[in-house]
Amino acid sequence: TLSGVMENVGDSGVSKNAGDFDREAVVQKFNDALVAGTKLTVKAIVAIKSAVGHKEEAVKLQQLLKDLENDEGKMKDEGKMKEIFDQINKAAESVKELDLEKDAEGAEAQKYLGGSLLNISLAGWLDKKCLEYGKLLVEKLPYEIKAKPMEIGKLKPVLNLAKMAVSEMPKQIGNAGEVLKKVADYAGTKGIPFPSEAEKKEALKDEMPVNSDKELVNELST
C-alpha cells in the first residue's frame, strides 16, 4: 500500500529532523490525509448521486472507491493520482449543478445525504491538511535529497506526489466546499443533524490507511 511505501522513507539513515522538520511524521500525515480525504470525497459524491437517482454514475464512482480501497498504492504515483483528482472534480462539478430540494426526495435520499454531509465535511478538512503537509514536503525534501543523494529513489516519488497535490488540491478543496454548502443547506431545511466532533473522529479513524499511526486524528479538533 501507499502507507507501507511511504512508511519506509524514514528508515534510510538520513536524519528525520532538519530543524523543526520531522520528515517521517510529515510524510505519514500527508499520506494519511491524501488517502483518507480522497476516499471520503468519493464516498460523499456516491451518496449524493444515489440520493438523486443517478445510479449509473454512482456505480462508476463506487467502482473507483473499491479500486482505491483494494490498492492504495495507486495513490503513490502522481500521474495516476492526477487522473483520480480529475475524475473526482468532474463528478463534484456535476453535483454543484443539482437541485437537491427537487431531486432528493424521501427518507432514503435524506439518509444518503446525511452520510454525505459527514463524509464531505471530513474530506474538506483532510484535503486542507494534505495541502498543508504537501507544501512542507515540497519545501523541505529537496534539501534532504541534496544532502543524501543516495536516497533519491525513495524521496523523489514522495516529492513528485507532494508537488502534484499542491498543484491540484486547491481545486478539490474549492469543490468540496461548494458541495458541502449545498448538502448543508439541504440538511438545514430537512432537519438532518450535523455530525458532531466525536462522530467525525470515529469516522476518520475508520478511514485511516493501513499502517497509519492515527496521529492525524488527534489534529481534528485542533
Protein backbone atom coordinates (compact mmCIF):
# COMPACT_ATOMS: atom_id res chain seq x y z
CA THR A 1 0.00 0.00 0.00
CA LEU A 2 0.97 3.66 -0.25
CA SER A 3 1.12 3.72 3.54
CA GLY A 4 3.70 0.95 3.55
CA VAL A 5 5.76 2.52 0.77
CA MET A 6 5.93 5.86 2.48
CA GLU A 7 6.44 4.40 5.93
CA ASN A 8 9.89 3.25 4.86
CA VAL A 9 11.01 6.70 3.78
CA GLY A 10 12.21 7.47 7.28
CA ASP A 11 14.33 4.32 7.56
CA SER A 12 17.21 5.48 5.41
CA GLY A 13 19.70 6.79 7.90
CA VAL A 14 19.05 10.39 6.89
CA SER A 15 18.22 12.43 9.96
CA LYS A 16 14.46 12.61 10.39
CA ASN A 17 14.79 16.13 11.66
CA ALA A 18 16.04 19.11 9.74
CA GLY A 19 15.42 22.00 12.07
CA ASP A 20 11.81 21.51 13.15
CA PHE A 21 11.02 19.20 10.22
CA ASP A 22 10.23 15.63 11.22
CA ARG A 23 10.16 14.07 7.77
CA GLU A 24 8.71 10.74 8.76
CA ALA A 25 5.82 12.32 10.65
CA VAL A 26 5.05 14.80 7.88
CA VAL A 27 5.12 12.12 5.17
CA GLN A 28 2.82 9.95 7.27
CA LYS A 29 0.30 12.74 7.78
CA PHE A 30 0.46 13.80 4.14
CA ASN A 31 -0.12 10.20 3.11
CA ASP A 32 -2.99 9.70 5.55
CA ALA A 33 -4.73 12.92 4.53
CA LEU A 34 -4.36 12.16 0.82
CA VAL A 35 -5.66 8.60 1.04
CA ALA A 36 -8.49 9.20 3.52
CA GLY A 37 -9.56 12.52 2.01
CA THR A 38 -9.76 11.05 -1.48
CA LYS A 39 -11.82 8.06 -0.37
CA LEU A 40 -14.20 10.20 1.69
CA THR A 41 -14.75 12.62 -1.18
CA VAL A 42 -15.70 9.74 -3.46
CA LYS A 43 -17.98 8.27 -0.78
CA ALA A 44 -19.73 11.61 -0.35
CA ILE A 45 -20.35 12.02 -4.07
CA VAL A 46 -21.55 8.41 -4.40
CA ALA A 47 -24.12 9.11 -1.67
CA ILE A 48 -25.30 12.31 -3.37
CA LYS A 49 -25.62 10.61 -6.75
CA SER A 50 -27.54 7.77 -5.11
CA ALA A 51 -29.85 10.24 -3.36
CA VAL A 52 -30.90 11.85 -6.63
CA GLY A 53 -31.22 8.57 -8.54
CA HIS A 54 -28.12 8.87 -10.71
CA LYS A 55 -27.43 5.17 -10.29
CA GLU A 56 -25.08 4.68 -13.24
CA GLU A 57 -22.78 7.49 -12.11
CA ALA A 58 -22.93 6.22 -8.53
CA VAL A 59 -21.90 2.72 -9.65
CA LYS A 60 -18.92 4.07 -11.61
CA LEU A 61 -17.72 6.09 -8.64
CA GLN A 62 -18.32 3.14 -6.32
CA GLN A 63 -16.00 1.09 -8.51
CA LEU A 64 -13.36 3.81 -8.27
CA LEU A 65 -13.71 3.70 -4.49
CA LYS A 66 -13.32 -0.09 -4.45
CA ASP A 67 -10.23 0.19 -6.62
CA LEU A 68 -8.70 2.70 -4.22
CA GLU A 69 -9.55 0.62 -1.15
CA ASN A 70 -8.13 -2.53 -2.73
CA ASP A 71 -4.94 -0.85 -3.89
CA GLU A 72 -3.94 2.32 -2.05
CA GLY A 73 -0.65 2.04 -3.90
CA LYS A 74 -2.36 3.64 -6.89
CA MET A 75 -2.04 6.89 -5.00
CA LYS A 76 1.75 6.74 -4.84
CA ASP A 77 2.09 7.81 -8.48
CA GLU A 78 1.46 11.46 -9.24
CA GLY A 79 0.21 10.70 -12.76
CA LYS A 80 -2.41 8.21 -11.61
CA MET A 81 -3.39 10.46 -8.73
CA LYS A 82 -3.88 13.36 -11.13
CA GLU A 83 -6.28 11.19 -13.14
CA ILE A 84 -8.18 10.35 -9.94
CA PHE A 85 -8.40 14.02 -8.99
CA ASP A 86 -9.74 14.82 -12.47
CA GLN A 87 -12.46 12.18 -12.07
CA ILE A 88 -13.42 13.47 -8.65
CA ASN A 89 -13.52 17.10 -9.72
CA LYS A 90 -15.65 16.27 -12.75
CA ALA A 91 -18.12 14.45 -10.51
CA ALA A 92 -18.11 17.31 -7.98
CA GLU A 93 -18.81 19.84 -10.73
CA SER A 94 -21.90 17.86 -11.73
CA VAL A 95 -23.06 17.74 -8.10
CA LYS A 96 -22.88 21.53 -7.91
CA GLU A 97 -25.50 21.71 -10.67
CA LEU A 98 -28.04 19.53 -8.84
CA ASP A 99 -31.23 20.83 -7.25
CA LEU A 100 -31.33 18.70 -4.11
CA GLU A 101 -34.64 20.14 -2.92
CA LYS A 102 -36.26 18.94 -6.12
CA ASP A 103 -34.33 15.77 -6.86
CA ALA A 104 -33.60 14.27 -3.42
CA GLU A 105 -36.97 13.30 -2.00
CA GLY A 106 -37.92 10.78 0.62
CA ALA A 107 -36.37 9.21 3.69
CA GLU A 108 -33.83 7.17 1.74
CA ALA A 109 -32.49 10.25 -0.03
CA GLN A 110 -32.19 12.07 3.28
CA LYS A 111 -30.27 9.13 4.74
CA TYR A 112 -27.83 9.21 1.83
CA LEU A 113 -27.32 12.95 2.19
CA GLY A 114 -26.87 12.72 5.95
CA GLY A 115 -23.96 10.35 5.36
CA SER A 116 -22.63 12.58 2.62
CA LEU A 117 -22.62 15.54 5.00
CA LEU A 118 -20.30 13.70 7.38
CA ASN A 119 -18.01 12.47 4.63
CA ILE A 120 -17.64 15.69 2.67
CA SER A 121 -17.02 17.77 5.80
CA LEU A 122 -14.23 15.38 6.80
CA ALA A 123 -12.88 15.26 3.26
CA GLY A 124 -12.61 19.03 3.07
CA TRP A 125 -10.63 19.13 6.31
CA LEU A 126 -8.35 16.32 5.15
CA ASP A 127 -7.74 18.00 1.80
CA LYS A 128 -6.58 21.13 3.60
CA LYS A 129 -4.25 19.03 5.76
CA CYS A 130 -2.91 17.29 2.67
CA LEU A 131 -2.18 20.66 1.10
CA GLU A 132 -0.54 21.93 4.30
CA TYR A 133 1.78 18.94 4.62
CA GLY A 134 2.34 18.74 0.88
CA LYS A 135 3.66 22.30 0.86
CA LEU A 136 6.01 21.44 3.71
CA LEU A 137 7.36 18.44 1.80
CA VAL A 138 7.84 20.48 -1.37
CA GLU A 139 9.80 23.00 0.67
CA LYS A 140 11.96 20.59 2.69
CA LEU A 141 12.53 17.42 0.67
CA PRO A 142 14.80 18.97 -1.99
CA TYR A 143 17.30 19.81 0.77
CA GLU A 144 17.18 16.24 2.08
CA ILE A 145 17.70 14.84 -1.41
CA LYS A 146 20.65 17.15 -1.93
CA ALA A 147 22.15 16.16 1.42
CA LYS A 148 21.69 12.44 0.79
CA PRO A 149 21.55 11.76 -2.98
CA MET A 150 21.63 8.00 -2.40
CA GLU A 151 18.08 8.33 -1.06
CA ILE A 152 16.67 9.95 -4.18
CA GLY A 153 14.93 6.71 -5.17
CA LYS A 154 12.82 6.84 -2.00
CA LEU A 155 12.37 10.57 -1.64
CA LYS A 156 11.81 11.69 -5.24
CA PRO A 157 8.46 9.86 -5.70
CA VAL A 158 7.19 11.41 -2.46
CA LEU A 159 8.32 14.85 -3.61
CA ASN A 160 6.65 14.40 -7.00
CA LEU A 161 3.40 13.32 -5.36
CA ALA A 162 3.53 16.29 -2.99
CA LYS A 163 4.10 18.69 -5.89
CA MET A 164 1.10 17.26 -7.71
CA ALA A 165 -1.07 17.57 -4.61
CA VAL A 166 -0.02 21.17 -4.02
CA SER A 167 -0.93 21.97 -7.62
CA GLU A 168 -4.24 20.10 -7.78
CA MET A 169 -5.60 20.15 -4.24
CA PRO A 170 -6.83 23.78 -4.18
CA LYS A 171 -9.40 22.98 -6.87
CA GLN A 172 -10.59 19.92 -4.98
CA ILE A 173 -10.82 21.95 -1.76
CA GLY A 174 -12.93 24.54 -3.55
CA ASN A 175 -15.25 21.92 -4.99
CA ALA A 176 -15.58 20.15 -1.64
CA GLY A 177 -16.53 23.45 -0.02
CA GLU A 178 -19.27 24.11 -2.56
CA VAL A 179 -20.61 20.56 -2.31
CA LEU A 180 -20.59 20.81 1.49
CA LYS A 181 -22.57 24.06 1.37
CA LYS A 182 -25.14 22.53 -0.97
CA VAL A 183 -25.62 19.46 1.22
CA ALA A 184 -25.57 21.53 4.43
CA ASP A 185 -28.27 23.84 3.07
CA TYR A 186 -30.40 20.82 2.23
CA ALA A 187 -29.76 19.29 5.66
CA GLY A 188 -30.81 22.53 7.33
CA THR A 189 -34.17 22.58 5.56
CA LYS A 190 -34.84 18.90 6.28
CA GLY A 191 -33.74 18.86 9.91
CA ILE A 192 -30.86 16.47 9.23
CA PRO A 193 -28.42 16.75 12.16
CA PHE A 194 -24.89 17.92 11.52
CA PRO A 195 -22.16 15.48 12.58
CA SER A 196 -20.56 16.05 15.97
CA GLU A 197 -16.81 16.22 16.52
CA ALA A 198 -16.97 12.78 18.16
CA GLU A 199 -18.73 11.34 15.11
CA LYS A 200 -16.17 12.91 12.82
CA LYS A 201 -13.30 11.43 14.83
CA GLU A 202 -14.79 7.95 14.77
CA ALA A 203 -15.39 8.17 11.04
CA LEU A 204 -11.86 9.44 10.47
CA LYS A 205 -10.36 6.56 12.45
CA ASP A 206 -12.19 4.14 10.18
CA GLU A 207 -10.79 5.79 7.06
CA MET A 208 -7.14 5.90 8.07
CA PRO A 209 -4.93 3.89 5.71
CA VAL A 210 -3.30 0.59 6.61
CA ASN A 211 -0.23 1.14 8.84
CA SER A 212 -1.35 4.65 9.74
CA ASP A 213 -0.27 5.77 13.19
CA LYS A 214 -3.62 7.65 13.54
CA GLU A 215 -1.76 10.81 14.60
CA LEU A 216 -3.78 12.89 12.16
CA VAL A 217 -6.96 12.02 14.06
CA ASN A 218 -5.64 13.96 17.05
CA GLU A 219 -5.48 17.12 14.94
CA LEU A 220 -9.16 17.05 14.02
CA SER A 221 -10.35 19.17 16.93
CA THR A 222 -7.32 21.49 16.98
